[in-house]
């Protein structure tokens, strides 16, 4: 894996969410 994503999910309208992605060394 060259890019690792995290933070997706289910949220209600008006809510907040944070996505992150880490690149391979």
PDBML (XML) file of the C-alpha atoms, coordinates in Angstrom:
<?xml version="1.0" encoding="UTF-8" ?>
<PDBx:datablock datablockName="MODEL"
   xmlns:PDBx="http://pdbml.pdb.org/schema/pdbx-v50.xsd"
   xmlns:xsi="http://www.w3.org/2001/XMLSchema-instance"
   xsi:schemaLocation="http://pdbml.pdb.org/schema/pdbx-v50.xsd pdbx-v50.xsd">
   <PDBx:atom_siteCategory>
      <PDBx:atom_site id="1">
         <PDBx:B_iso_or_equiv>0.00</PDBx:B_iso_or_equiv>
         <PDBx:Cartn_x>0.000</PDBx:Cartn_x>
         <PDBx:Cartn_y>0.000</PDBx:Cartn_y>
         <PDBx:Cartn_z>0.000</PDBx:Cartn_z>
         <PDBx:auth_asym_id>A</PDBx:auth_asym_id>
         <PDBx:auth_atom_id>CA</PDBx:auth_atom_id>
         <PDBx:auth_comp_id>UNK</PDBx:auth_comp_id>
         <PDBx:auth_seq_id>1</PDBx:auth_seq_id>
         <PDBx:group_PDB>ATOM</PDBx:group_PDB>
         <PDBx:label_alt_id xsi:nil="true" />
         <PDBx:label_asym_id>A</PDBx:label_asym_id>
         <PDBx:label_atom_id>CA</PDBx:label_atom_id>
         <PDBx:label_comp_id>UNK</PDBx:label_comp_id>
         <PDBx:label_entity_id>1</PDBx:label_entity_id>
         <PDBx:label_seq_id>1</PDBx:label_seq_id>
         <PDBx:occupancy>1.00</PDBx:occupancy>
         <PDBx:pdbx_PDB_model_num>1</PDBx:pdbx_PDB_model_num>
         <PDBx:type_symbol>C</PDBx:type_symbol>
      </PDBx:atom_site>
      <PDBx:atom_site id="2">
         <PDBx:B_iso_or_equiv>0.00</PDBx:B_iso_or_equiv>
         <PDBx:Cartn_x>1.405</PDBx:Cartn_x>
         <PDBx:Cartn_y>3.359</PDBx:Cartn_y>
         <PDBx:Cartn_z>-1.057</PDBx:Cartn_z>
         <PDBx:auth_asym_id>A</PDBx:auth_asym_id>
         <PDBx:auth_atom_id>CA</PDBx:auth_atom_id>
         <PDBx:auth_comp_id>UNK</PDBx:auth_comp_id>
         <PDBx:auth_seq_id>2</PDBx:auth_seq_id>
         <PDBx:group_PDB>ATOM</PDBx:group_PDB>
         <PDBx:label_alt_id xsi:nil="true" />
         <PDBx:label_asym_id>A</PDBx:label_asym_id>
         <PDBx:label_atom_id>CA</PDBx:label_atom_id>
         <PDBx:label_comp_id>UNK</PDBx:label_comp_id>
         <PDBx:label_entity_id>1</PDBx:label_entity_id>
         <PDBx:label_seq_id>2</PDBx:label_seq_id>
         <PDBx:occupancy>1.00</PDBx:occupancy>
         <PDBx:pdbx_PDB_model_num>1</PDBx:pdbx_PDB_model_num>
         <PDBx:type_symbol>C</PDBx:type_symbol>
      </PDBx:atom_site>
      <PDBx:atom_site id="3">
         <PDBx:B_iso_or_equiv>0.00</PDBx:B_iso_or_equiv>
         <PDBx:Cartn_x>-1.376</PDBx:Cartn_x>
         <PDBx:Cartn_y>5.565</PDBx:Cartn_y>
         <PDBx:Cartn_z>0.379</PDBx:Cartn_z>
         <PDBx:auth_asym_id>A</PDBx:auth_asym_id>
         <PDBx:auth_atom_id>CA</PDBx:auth_atom_id>
         <PDBx:auth_comp_id>UNK</PDBx:auth_comp_id>
         <PDBx:auth_seq_id>3</PDBx:auth_seq_id>
         <PDBx:group_PDB>ATOM</PDBx:group_PDB>
         <PDBx:label_alt_id xsi:nil="true" />
         <PDBx:label_asym_id>A</PDBx:label_asym_id>
         <PDBx:label_atom_id>CA</PDBx:label_atom_id>
         <PDBx:label_comp_id>UNK</PDBx:label_comp_id>
         <PDBx:label_entity_id>1</PDBx:label_entity_id>
         <PDBx:label_seq_id>3</PDBx:label_seq_id>
         <PDBx:occupancy>1.00</PDBx:occupancy>
         <PDBx:pdbx_PDB_model_num>1</PDBx:pdbx_PDB_model_num>
         <PDBx:type_symbol>C</PDBx:type_symbol>
      </PDBx:atom_site>
      <PDBx:atom_site id="4">
         <PDBx:B_iso_or_equiv>0.00</PDBx:B_iso_or_equiv>
         <PDBx:Cartn_x>-3.319</PDBx:Cartn_x>
         <PDBx:Cartn_y>4.691</PDBx:Cartn_y>
         <PDBx:Cartn_z>3.530</PDBx:Cartn_z>
         <PDBx:auth_asym_id>A</PDBx:auth_asym_id>
         <PDBx:auth_atom_id>CA</PDBx:auth_atom_id>
         <PDBx:auth_comp_id>UNK</PDBx:auth_comp_id>
         <PDBx:auth_seq_id>4</PDBx:auth_seq_id>
         <PDBx:group_PDB>ATOM</PDBx:group_PDB>
         <PDBx:label_alt_id xsi:nil="true" />
         <PDBx:label_asym_id>A</PDBx:label_asym_id>
         <PDBx:label_atom_id>CA</PDBx:label_atom_id>
         <PDBx:label_comp_id>UNK</PDBx:label_comp_id>
         <PDBx:label_entity_id>1</PDBx:label_entity_id>
         <PDBx:label_seq_id>4</PDBx:label_seq_id>
         <PDBx:occupancy>1.00</PDBx:occupancy>
         <PDBx:pdbx_PDB_model_num>1</PDBx:pdbx_PDB_model_num>
         <PDBx:type_symbol>C</PDBx:type_symbol>
      </PDBx:atom_site>
      <PDBx:atom_site id="5">
         <PDBx:B_iso_or_equiv>0.00</PDBx:B_iso_or_equiv>
         <PDBx:Cartn_x>-6.671</PDBx:Cartn_x>
         <PDBx:Cartn_y>6.432</PDBx:Cartn_y>
         <PDBx:Cartn_z>4.029</PDBx:Cartn_z>
         <PDBx:auth_asym_id>A</PDBx:auth_asym_id>
         <PDBx:auth_atom_id>CA</PDBx:auth_atom_id>
         <PDBx:auth_comp_id>UNK</PDBx:auth_comp_id>
         <PDBx:auth_seq_id>5</PDBx:auth_seq_id>
         <PDBx:group_PDB>ATOM</PDBx:group_PDB>
         <PDBx:label_alt_id xsi:nil="true" />
         <PDBx:label_asym_id>A</PDBx:label_asym_id>
         <PDBx:label_atom_id>CA</PDBx:label_atom_id>
         <PDBx:label_comp_id>UNK</PDBx:label_comp_id>
         <PDBx:label_entity_id>1</PDBx:label_entity_id>
         <PDBx:label_seq_id>5</PDBx:label_seq_id>
         <PDBx:occupancy>1.00</PDBx:occupancy>
         <PDBx:pdbx_PDB_model_num>1</PDBx:pdbx_PDB_model_num>
         <PDBx:type_symbol>C</PDBx:type_symbol>
      </PDBx:atom_site>
      <PDBx:atom_site id="6">
         <PDBx:B_iso_or_equiv>0.00</PDBx:B_iso_or_equiv>
         <PDBx:Cartn_x>-8.759</PDBx:Cartn_x>
         <PDBx:Cartn_y>6.622</PDBx:Cartn_y>
         <PDBx:Cartn_z>7.173</PDBx:Cartn_z>
         <PDBx:auth_asym_id>A</PDBx:auth_asym_id>
         <PDBx:auth_atom_id>CA</PDBx:auth_atom_id>
         <PDBx:auth_comp_id>UNK</PDBx:auth_comp_id>
         <PDBx:auth_seq_id>6</PDBx:auth_seq_id>
         <PDBx:group_PDB>ATOM</PDBx:group_PDB>
         <PDBx:label_alt_id xsi:nil="true" />
         <PDBx:label_asym_id>A</PDBx:label_asym_id>
         <PDBx:label_atom_id>CA</PDBx:label_atom_id>
         <PDBx:label_comp_id>UNK</PDBx:label_comp_id>
         <PDBx:label_entity_id>1</PDBx:label_entity_id>
         <PDBx:label_seq_id>6</PDBx:label_seq_id>
         <PDBx:occupancy>1.00</PDBx:occupancy>
         <PDBx:pdbx_PDB_model_num>1</PDBx:pdbx_PDB_model_num>
         <PDBx:type_symbol>C</PDBx:type_symbol>
      </PDBx:atom_site>
      <PDBx:atom_site id="7">
         <PDBx:B_iso_or_equiv>0.00</PDBx:B_iso_or_equiv>
         <PDBx:Cartn_x>-11.660</PDBx:Cartn_x>
         <PDBx:Cartn_y>8.545</PDBx:Cartn_y>
         <PDBx:Cartn_z>8.667</PDBx:Cartn_z>
         <PDBx:auth_asym_id>A</PDBx:auth_asym_id>
         <PDBx:auth_atom_id>CA</PDBx:auth_atom_id>
         <PDBx:auth_comp_id>UNK</PDBx:auth_comp_id>
         <PDBx:auth_seq_id>7</PDBx:auth_seq_id>
         <PDBx:group_PDB>ATOM</PDBx:group_PDB>
         <PDBx:label_alt_id xsi:nil="true" />
         <PDBx:label_asym_id>A</PDBx:label_asym_id>
         <PDBx:label_atom_id>CA</PDBx:label_atom_id>
         <PDBx:label_comp_id>UNK</PDBx:label_comp_id>
         <PDBx:label_entity_id>1</PDBx:label_entity_id>
         <PDBx:label_seq_id>7</PDBx:label_seq_id>
         <PDBx:occupancy>1.00</PDBx:occupancy>
         <PDBx:pdbx_PDB_model_num>1</PDBx:pdbx_PDB_model_num>
         <PDBx:type_symbol>C</PDBx:type_symbol>
      </PDBx:atom_site>
      <PDBx:atom_site id="8">
         <PDBx:B_iso_or_equiv>0.00</PDBx:B_iso_or_equiv>
         <PDBx:Cartn_x>-14.580</PDBx:Cartn_x>
         <PDBx:Cartn_y>7.656</PDBx:Cartn_y>
         <PDBx:Cartn_z>6.434</PDBx:Cartn_z>
         <PDBx:auth_asym_id>A</PDBx:auth_asym_id>
         <PDBx:auth_atom_id>CA</PDBx:auth_atom_id>
         <PDBx:auth_comp_id>UNK</PDBx:auth_comp_id>
         <PDBx:auth_seq_id>8</PDBx:auth_seq_id>
         <PDBx:group_PDB>ATOM</PDBx:group_PDB>
         <PDBx:label_alt_id xsi:nil="true" />
         <PDBx:label_asym_id>A</PDBx:label_asym_id>
         <PDBx:label_atom_id>CA</PDBx:label_atom_id>
         <PDBx:label_comp_id>UNK</PDBx:label_comp_id>
         <PDBx:label_entity_id>1</PDBx:label_entity_id>
         <PDBx:label_seq_id>8</PDBx:label_seq_id>
         <PDBx:occupancy>1.00</PDBx:occupancy>
         <PDBx:pdbx_PDB_model_num>1</PDBx:pdbx_PDB_model_num>
         <PDBx:type_symbol>C</PDBx:type_symbol>
      </PDBx:atom_site>
      <PDBx:atom_site id="9">
         <PDBx:B_iso_or_equiv>0.00</PDBx:B_iso_or_equiv>
         <PDBx:Cartn_x>-17.921</PDBx:Cartn_x>
         <PDBx:Cartn_y>6.745</PDBx:Cartn_y>
         <PDBx:Cartn_z>7.884</PDBx:Cartn_z>
         <PDBx:auth_asym_id>A</PDBx:auth_asym_id>
         <PDBx:auth_atom_id>CA</PDBx:auth_atom_id>
         <PDBx:auth_comp_id>UNK</PDBx:auth_comp_id>
         <PDBx:auth_seq_id>9</PDBx:auth_seq_id>
         <PDBx:group_PDB>ATOM</PDBx:group_PDB>
         <PDBx:label_alt_id xsi:nil="true" />
         <PDBx:label_asym_id>A</PDBx:label_asym_id>
         <PDBx:label_atom_id>CA</PDBx:label_atom_id>
         <PDBx:label_comp_id>UNK</PDBx:label_comp_id>
         <PDBx:label_entity_id>1</PDBx:label_entity_id>
         <PDBx:label_seq_id>9</PDBx:label_seq_id>
         <PDBx:occupancy>1.00</PDBx:occupancy>
         <PDBx:pdbx_PDB_model_num>1</PDBx:pdbx_PDB_model_num>
         <PDBx:type_symbol>C</PDBx:type_symbol>
      </PDBx:atom_site>
      <PDBx:atom_site id="10">
         <PDBx:B_iso_or_equiv>0.00</PDBx:B_iso_or_equiv>
         <PDBx:Cartn_x>-21.560</PDBx:Cartn_x>
         <PDBx:Cartn_y>7.663</PDBx:Cartn_y>
         <PDBx:Cartn_z>8.414</PDBx:Cartn_z>
         <PDBx:auth_asym_id>A</PDBx:auth_asym_id>
         <PDBx:auth_atom_id>CA</PDBx:auth_atom_id>
         <PDBx:auth_comp_id>UNK</PDBx:auth_comp_id>
         <PDBx:auth_seq_id>10</PDBx:auth_seq_id>
         <PDBx:group_PDB>ATOM</PDBx:group_PDB>
         <PDBx:label_alt_id xsi:nil="true" />
         <PDBx:label_asym_id>A</PDBx:label_asym_id>
         <PDBx:label_atom_id>CA</PDBx:label_atom_id>
         <PDBx:label_comp_id>UNK</PDBx:label_comp_id>
         <PDBx:label_entity_id>1</PDBx:label_entity_id>
         <PDBx:label_seq_id>10</PDBx:label_seq_id>
         <PDBx:occupancy>1.00</PDBx:occupancy>
         <PDBx:pdbx_PDB_model_num>1</PDBx:pdbx_PDB_model_num>
         <PDBx:type_symbol>C</PDBx:type_symbol>
      </PDBx:atom_site>
      <PDBx:atom_site id="11">
         <PDBx:B_iso_or_equiv>0.00</PDBx:B_iso_or_equiv>
         <PDBx:Cartn_x>-22.573</PDBx:Cartn_x>
         <PDBx:Cartn_y>11.075</PDBx:Cartn_y>
         <PDBx:Cartn_z>9.728</PDBx:Cartn_z>
         <PDBx:auth_asym_id>A</PDBx:auth_asym_id>
         <PDBx:auth_atom_id>CA</PDBx:auth_atom_id>
         <PDBx:auth_comp_id>UNK</PDBx:auth_comp_id>
         <PDBx:auth_seq_id>11</PDBx:auth_seq_id>
         <PDBx:group_PDB>ATOM</PDBx:group_PDB>
         <PDBx:label_alt_id xsi:nil="true" />
         <PDBx:label_asym_id>A</PDBx:label_asym_id>
         <PDBx:label_atom_id>CA</PDBx:label_atom_id>
         <PDBx:label_comp_id>UNK</PDBx:label_comp_id>
         <PDBx:label_entity_id>1</PDBx:label_entity_id>
         <PDBx:label_seq_id>11</PDBx:label_seq_id>
         <PDBx:occupancy>1.00</PDBx:occupancy>
         <PDBx:pdbx_PDB_model_num>1</PDBx:pdbx_PDB_model_num>
         <PDBx:type_symbol>C</PDBx:type_symbol>
      </PDBx:atom_site>
      <PDBx:atom_site id="12">
         <PDBx:B_iso_or_equiv>0.00</PDBx:B_iso_or_equiv>
         <PDBx:Cartn_x>-25.789</PDBx:Cartn_x>
         <PDBx:Cartn_y>13.082</PDBx:Cartn_y>
         <PDBx:Cartn_z>9.927</PDBx:Cartn_z>
         <PDBx:auth_asym_id>A</PDBx:auth_asym_id>
         <PDBx:auth_atom_id>CA</PDBx:auth_atom_id>
         <PDBx:auth_comp_id>UNK</PDBx:auth_comp_id>
         <PDBx:auth_seq_id>12</PDBx:auth_seq_id>
         <PDBx:group_PDB>ATOM</PDBx:group_PDB>
         <PDBx:label_alt_id xsi:nil="true" />
         <PDBx:label_asym_id>A</PDBx:label_asym_id>
         <PDBx:label_atom_id>CA</PDBx:label_atom_id>
         <PDBx:label_comp_id>UNK</PDBx:label_comp_id>
         <PDBx:label_entity_id>1</PDBx:label_entity_id>
         <PDBx:label_seq_id>12</PDBx:label_seq_id>
         <PDBx:occupancy>1.00</PDBx:occupancy>
         <PDBx:pdbx_PDB_model_num>1</PDBx:pdbx_PDB_model_num>
         <PDBx:type_symbol>C</PDBx:type_symbol>
      </PDBx:atom_site>
      <PDBx:atom_site id="13">
         <PDBx:B_iso_or_equiv>0.00</PDBx:B_iso_or_equiv>
         <PDBx:Cartn_x>-26.303</PDBx:Cartn_x>
         <PDBx:Cartn_y>16.225</PDBx:Cartn_y>
         <PDBx:Cartn_z>7.883</PDBx:Cartn_z>
         <PDBx:auth_asym_id>A</PDBx:auth_asym_id>
         <PDBx:auth_atom_id>CA</PDBx:auth_atom_id>
         <PDBx:auth_comp_id>UNK</PDBx:auth_comp_id>
         <PDBx:auth_seq_id>13</PDBx:auth_seq_id>
         <PDBx:group_PDB>ATOM</PDBx:group_PDB>
         <PDBx:label_alt_id xsi:nil="true" />
         <PDBx:label_asym_id>A</PDBx:label_asym_id>
         <PDBx:label_atom_id>CA</PDBx:label_atom_id>
         <PDBx:label_comp_id>UNK</PDBx:label_comp_id>
         <PDBx:label_entity_id>1</PDBx:label_entity_id>
         <PDBx:label_seq_id>13</PDBx:label_seq_id>
         <PDBx:occupancy>1.00</PDBx:occupancy>
         <PDBx:pdbx_PDB_model_num>1</PDBx:pdbx_PDB_model_num>
         <PDBx:type_symbol>C</PDBx:type_symbol>
      </PDBx:atom_site>
      <PDBx:atom_site id="14">
         <PDBx:B_iso_or_equiv>0.00</PDBx:B_iso_or_equiv>
         <PDBx:Cartn_x>-24.655</PDBx:Cartn_x>
         <PDBx:Cartn_y>19.191</PDBx:Cartn_y>
         <PDBx:Cartn_z>9.560</PDBx:Cartn_z>
         <PDBx:auth_asym_id>A</PDBx:auth_asym_id>
         <PDBx:auth_atom_id>CA</PDBx:auth_atom_id>
         <PDBx:auth_comp_id>UNK</PDBx:auth_comp_id>
         <PDBx:auth_seq_id>14</PDBx:auth_seq_id>
         <PDBx:group_PDB>ATOM</PDBx:group_PDB>
         <PDBx:label_alt_id xsi:nil="true" />
         <PDBx:label_asym_id>A</PDBx:label_asym_id>
         <PDBx:label_atom_id>CA</PDBx:label_atom_id>
         <PDBx:label_comp_id>UNK</PDBx:label_comp_id>
         <PDBx:label_entity_id>1</PDBx:label_entity_id>
         <PDBx:label_seq_id>14</PDBx:label_seq_id>
         <PDBx:occupancy>1.00</PDBx:occupancy>
         <PDBx:pdbx_PDB_model_num>1</PDBx:pdbx_PDB_model_num>
         <PDBx:type_symbol>C</PDBx:type_symbol>
      </PDBx:atom_site>
      <PDBx:atom_site id="15">
         <PDBx:B_iso_or_equiv>0.00</PDBx:B_iso_or_equiv>
         <PDBx:Cartn_x>-22.081</PDBx:Cartn_x>
         <PDBx:Cartn_y>17.005</PDBx:Cartn_y>
         <PDBx:Cartn_z>11.225</PDBx:Cartn_z>
         <PDBx:auth_asym_id>A</PDBx:auth_asym_id>
         <PDBx:auth_atom_id>CA</PDBx:auth_atom_id>
         <PDBx:auth_comp_id>UNK</PDBx:auth_comp_id>
         <PDBx:auth_seq_id>15</PDBx:auth_seq_id>
         <PDBx:group_PDB>ATOM</PDBx:group_PDB>
         <PDBx:label_alt_id xsi:nil="true" />
         <PDBx:label_asym_id>A</PDBx:label_asym_id>
         <PDBx:label_atom_id>CA</PDBx:label_atom_id>
         <PDBx:label_comp_id>UNK</PDBx:label_comp_id>
         <PDBx:label_entity_id>1</PDBx:label_entity_id>
         <PDBx:label_seq_id>15</PDBx:label_seq_id>
         <PDBx:occupancy>1.00</PDBx:occupancy>
         <PDBx:pdbx_PDB_model_num>1</PDBx:pdbx_PDB_model_num>
         <PDBx:type_symbol>C</PDBx:type_symbol>
      </PDBx:atom_site>
      <PDBx:atom_site id="16">
         <PDBx:B_iso_or_equiv>0.00</PDBx:B_iso_or_equiv>
         <PDBx:Cartn_x>-18.329</PDBx:Cartn_x>
         <PDBx:Cartn_y>16.820</PDBx:Cartn_y>
         <PDBx:Cartn_z>10.813</PDBx:Cartn_z>
         <PDBx:auth_asym_id>A</PDBx:auth_asym_id>
         <PDBx:auth_atom_id>CA</PDBx:auth_atom_id>
         <PDBx:auth_comp_id>UNK</PDBx:auth_comp_id>
         <PDBx:auth_seq_id>16</PDBx:auth_seq_id>
         <PDBx:group_PDB>ATOM</PDBx:group_PDB>
         <PDBx:label_alt_id xsi:nil="true" />
         <PDBx:label_asym_id>A</PDBx:label_asym_id>
         <PDBx:label_atom_id>CA</PDBx:label_atom_id>
         <PDBx:label_comp_id>UNK</PDBx:label_comp_id>
         <PDBx:label_entity_id>1</PDBx:label_entity_id>
         <PDBx:label_seq_id>16</PDBx:label_seq_id>
         <PDBx:occupancy>1.00</PDBx:occupancy>
         <PDBx:pdbx_PDB_model_num>1</PDBx:pdbx_PDB_model_num>
         <PDBx:type_symbol>C</PDBx:type_symbol>
      </PDBx:atom_site>
      <PDBx:atom_site id="17">
         <PDBx:B_iso_or_equiv>0.00</PDBx:B_iso_or_equiv>
         <PDBx:Cartn_x>-15.809</PDBx:Cartn_x>
         <PDBx:Cartn_y>14.249</PDBx:Cartn_y>
         <PDBx:Cartn_z>9.733</PDBx:Cartn_z>
         <PDBx:auth_asym_id>A</PDBx:auth_asym_id>
         <PDBx:auth_atom_id>CA</PDBx:auth_atom_id>
         <PDBx:auth_comp_id>UNK</PDBx:auth_comp_id>
         <PDBx:auth_seq_id>17</PDBx:auth_seq_id>
         <PDBx:group_PDB>ATOM</PDBx:group_PDB>
         <PDBx:label_alt_id xsi:nil="true" />
         <PDBx:label_asym_id>A</PDBx:label_asym_id>
         <PDBx:label_atom_id>CA</PDBx:label_atom_id>
         <PDBx:label_comp_id>UNK</PDBx:label_comp_id>
         <PDBx:label_entity_id>1</PDBx:label_entity_id>
         <PDBx:label_seq_id>17</PDBx:label_seq_id>
         <PDBx:occupancy>1.00</PDBx:occupancy>
         <PDBx:pdbx_PDB_model_num>1</PDBx:pdbx_PDB_model_num>
         <PDBx:type_symbol>C</PDBx:type_symbol>
      </PDBx:atom_site>
      <PDBx:atom_site id="18">
         <PDBx:B_iso_or_equiv>0.00</PDBx:B_iso_or_equiv>
         <PDBx:Cartn_x>-12.055</PDBx:Cartn_x>
         <PDBx:Cartn_y>14.164</PDBx:Cartn_y>
         <PDBx:Cartn_z>9.270</PDBx:Cartn_z>
         <PDBx:auth_asym_id>A</PDBx:auth_asym_id>
         <PDBx:auth_atom_id>CA</PDBx:auth_atom_id>
         <PDBx:auth_comp_id>UNK</PDBx:auth_comp_id>
         <PDBx:auth_seq_id>18</PDBx:auth_seq_id>
         <PDBx:group_PDB>ATOM</PDBx:group_PDB>
         <PDBx:label_alt_id xsi:nil="true" />
         <PDBx:label_asym_id>A</PDBx:label_asym_id>
         <PDBx:label_atom_id>CA</PDBx:label_atom_id>
         <PDBx:label_comp_id>UNK</PDBx:label_comp_id>
         <PDBx:label_entity_id>1</PDBx:label_entity_id>
         <PDBx:label_seq_id>18</PDBx:label_seq_id>
         <PDBx:occupancy>1.00</PDBx:occupancy>
         <PDBx:pdbx_PDB_model_num>1</PDBx:pdbx_PDB_model_num>
         <PDBx:type_symbol>C</PDBx:type_symbol>
      </PDBx:atom_site>
      <PDBx:atom_site id="19">
         <PDBx:B_iso_or_equiv>0.00</PDBx:B_iso_or_equiv>
         <PDBx:Cartn_x>-10.215</PDBx:Cartn_x>
         <PDBx:Cartn_y>12.218</PDBx:Cartn_y>
         <PDBx:Cartn_z>6.606</PDBx:Cartn_z>
         <PDBx:auth_asym_id>A</PDBx:auth_asym_id>
         <PDBx:auth_atom_id>CA</PDBx:auth_atom_id>
         <PDBx:auth_comp_id>UNK</PDBx:auth_comp_id>
         <PDBx:auth_seq_id>19</PDBx:auth_seq_id>
         <PDBx:group_PDB>ATOM</PDBx:group_PDB>
         <PDBx:label_alt_id xsi:nil="true" />
         <PDBx:label_asym_id>A</PDBx:label_asym_id>
         <PDBx:label_atom_id>CA</PDBx:label_atom_id>
         <PDBx:label_comp_id>UNK</PDBx:label_comp_id>
         <PDBx:label_entity_id>1</PDBx:label_entity_id>
         <PDBx:label_seq_id>19</PDBx:label_seq_id>
         <PDBx:occupancy>1.00</PDBx:occupancy>
         <PDBx:pdbx_PDB_model_num>1</PDBx:pdbx_PDB_model_num>
         <PDBx:type_symbol>C</PDBx:type_symbol>
      </PDBx:atom_site>
      <PDBx:atom_site id="20">
         <PDBx:B_iso_or_equiv>0.00</PDBx:B_iso_or_equiv>
         <PDBx:Cartn_x>-6.517</PDBx:Cartn_x>
         <PDBx:Cartn_y>11.483</PDBx:Cartn_y>
         <PDBx:Cartn_z>6.720</PDBx:Cartn_z>
         <PDBx:auth_asym_id>A</PDBx:auth_asym_id>
         <PDBx:auth_atom_id>CA</PDBx:auth_atom_id>
         <PDBx:auth_comp_id>UNK</PDBx:auth_comp_id>
         <PDBx:auth_seq_id>20</PDBx:auth_seq_id>
         <PDBx:group_PDB>ATOM</PDBx:group_PDB>
         <PDBx:label_alt_id xsi:nil="true" />
         <PDBx:label_asym_id>A</PDBx:label_asym_id>
         <PDBx:label_atom_id>CA</PDBx:label_atom_id>
         <PDBx:label_comp_id>UNK</PDBx:label_comp_id>
         <PDBx:label_entity_id>1</PDBx:label_entity_id>
         <PDBx:label_seq_id>20</PDBx:label_seq_id>
         <PDBx:occupancy>1.00</PDBx:occupancy>
         <PDBx:pdbx_PDB_model_num>1</PDBx:pdbx_PDB_model_num>
         <PDBx:type_symbol>C</PDBx:type_symbol>
      </PDBx:atom_site>
      <PDBx:atom_site id="21">
         <PDBx:B_iso_or_equiv>0.00</PDBx:B_iso_or_equiv>
         <PDBx:Cartn_x>-4.069</PDBx:Cartn_x>
         <PDBx:Cartn_y>9.970</PDBx:Cartn_y>
         <PDBx:Cartn_z>4.283</PDBx:Cartn_z>
         <PDBx:auth_asym_id>A</PDBx:auth_asym_id>
         <PDBx:auth_atom_id>CA</PDBx:auth_atom_id>
         <PDBx:auth_comp_id>UNK</PDBx:auth_comp_id>
         <PDBx:auth_seq_id>21</PDBx:auth_seq_id>
         <PDBx:group_PDB>ATOM</PDBx:group_PDB>
         <PDBx:label_alt_id xsi:nil="true" />
         <PDBx:label_asym_id>A</PDBx:label_asym_id>
         <PDBx:label_atom_id>CA</PDBx:label_atom_id>
         <PDBx:label_comp_id>UNK</PDBx:label_comp_id>
         <PDBx:label_entity_id>1</PDBx:label_entity_id>
         <PDBx:label_seq_id>21</PDBx:label_seq_id>
         <PDBx:occupancy>1.00</PDBx:occupancy>
         <PDBx:pdbx_PDB_model_num>1</PDBx:pdbx_PDB_model_num>
         <PDBx:type_symbol>C</PDBx:type_symbol>
      </PDBx:atom_site>
      <PDBx:atom_site id="22">
         <PDBx:B_iso_or_equiv>0.00</PDBx:B_iso_or_equiv>
         <PDBx:Cartn_x>-0.497</PDBx:Cartn_x>
         <PDBx:Cartn_y>8.868</PDBx:Cartn_y>
         <PDBx:Cartn_z>4.875</PDBx:Cartn_z>
         <PDBx:auth_asym_id>A</PDBx:auth_asym_id>
         <PDBx:auth_atom_id>CA</PDBx:auth_atom_id>
         <PDBx:auth_comp_id>UNK</PDBx:auth_comp_id>
         <PDBx:auth_seq_id>22</PDBx:auth_seq_id>
         <PDBx:group_PDB>ATOM</PDBx:group_PDB>
         <PDBx:label_alt_id xsi:nil="true" />
         <PDBx:label_asym_id>A</PDBx:label_asym_id>
         <PDBx:label_atom_id>CA</PDBx:label_atom_id>
         <PDBx:label_comp_id>UNK</PDBx:label_comp_id>
         <PDBx:label_entity_id>1</PDBx:label_entity_id>
         <PDBx:label_seq_id>22</PDBx:label_seq_id>
         <PDBx:occupancy>1.00</PDBx:occupancy>
         <PDBx:pdbx_PDB_model_num>1</PDBx:pdbx_PDB_model_num>
         <PDBx:type_symbol>C</PDBx:type_symbol>
      </PDBx:atom_site>
      <PDBx:atom_site id="23">
         <PDBx:B_iso_or_equiv>0.00</PDBx:B_iso_or_equiv>
         <PDBx:Cartn_x>1.993</PDBx:Cartn_x>
         <PDBx:Cartn_y>8.337</PDBx:Cartn_y>
         <PDBx:Cartn_z>2.076</PDBx:Cartn_z>
         <PDBx:auth_asym_id>A</PDBx:auth_asym_id>
         <PDBx:auth_atom_id>CA</PDBx:auth_atom_id>
         <PDBx:auth_comp_id>UNK</PDBx:auth_comp_id>
         <PDBx:auth_seq_id>23</PDBx:auth_seq_id>
         <PDBx:group_PDB>ATOM</PDBx:group_PDB>
         <PDBx:label_alt_id xsi:nil="true" />
         <PDBx:label_asym_id>A</PDBx:label_asym_id>
         <PDBx:label_atom_id>CA</PDBx:label_atom_id>
         <PDBx:label_comp_id>UNK</PDBx:label_comp_id>
         <PDBx:label_entity_id>1</PDBx:label_entity_id>
         <PDBx:label_seq_id>23</PDBx:label_seq_id>
         <PDBx:occupancy>1.00</PDBx:occupancy>
         <PDBx:pdbx_PDB_model_num>1</PDBx:pdbx_PDB_model_num>
         <PDBx:type_symbol>C</PDBx:type_symbol>
      </PDBx:atom_site>
      <PDBx:atom_site id="24">
         <PDBx:B_iso_or_equiv>0.00</PDBx:B_iso_or_equiv>
         <PDBx:Cartn_x>4.472</PDBx:Cartn_x>
         <PDBx:Cartn_y>5.485</PDBx:Cartn_y>
         <PDBx:Cartn_z>2.045</PDBx:Cartn_z>
         <PDBx:auth_asym_id>A</PDBx:auth_asym_id>
         <PDBx:auth_atom_id>CA</PDBx:auth_atom_id>
         <PDBx:auth_comp_id>UNK</PDBx:auth_comp_id>
         <PDBx:auth_seq_id>24</PDBx:auth_seq_id>
         <PDBx:group_PDB>ATOM</PDBx:group_PDB>
         <PDBx:label_alt_id xsi:nil="true" />
         <PDBx:label_asym_id>A</PDBx:label_asym_id>
         <PDBx:label_atom_id>CA</PDBx:label_atom_id>
         <PDBx:label_comp_id>UNK</PDBx:label_comp_id>
         <PDBx:label_entity_id>1</PDBx:label_entity_id>
         <PDBx:label_seq_id>24</PDBx:label_seq_id>
         <PDBx:occupancy>1.00</PDBx:occupancy>
         <PDBx:pdbx_PDB_model_num>1</PDBx:pdbx_PDB_model_num>
         <PDBx:type_symbol>C</PDBx:type_symbol>
      </PDBx:atom_site>
      <PDBx:atom_site id="25">
         <PDBx:B_iso_or_equiv>0.00</PDBx:B_iso_or_equiv>
         <PDBx:Cartn_x>7.942</PDBx:Cartn_x>
         <PDBx:Cartn_y>6.209</PDBx:Cartn_y>
         <PDBx:Cartn_z>3.376</PDBx:Cartn_z>
         <PDBx:auth_asym_id>A</PDBx:auth_asym_id>
         <PDBx:auth_atom_id>CA</PDBx:auth_atom_id>
         <PDBx:auth_comp_id>UNK</PDBx:auth_comp_id>
         <PDBx:auth_seq_id>25</PDBx:auth_seq_id>
         <PDBx:group_PDB>ATOM</PDBx:group_PDB>
         <PDBx:label_alt_id xsi:nil="true" />
         <PDBx:label_asym_id>A</PDBx:label_asym_id>
         <PDBx:label_atom_id>CA</PDBx:label_atom_id>
         <PDBx:label_comp_id>UNK</PDBx:label_comp_id>
         <PDBx:label_entity_id>1</PDBx:label_entity_id>
         <PDBx:label_seq_id>25</PDBx:label_seq_id>
         <PDBx:occupancy>1.00</PDBx:occupancy>
         <PDBx:pdbx_PDB_model_num>1</PDBx:pdbx_PDB_model_num>
         <PDBx:type_symbol>C</PDBx:type_symbol>
      </PDBx:atom_site>
   </PDBx:atom_siteCategory>
</PDBx:datablock>
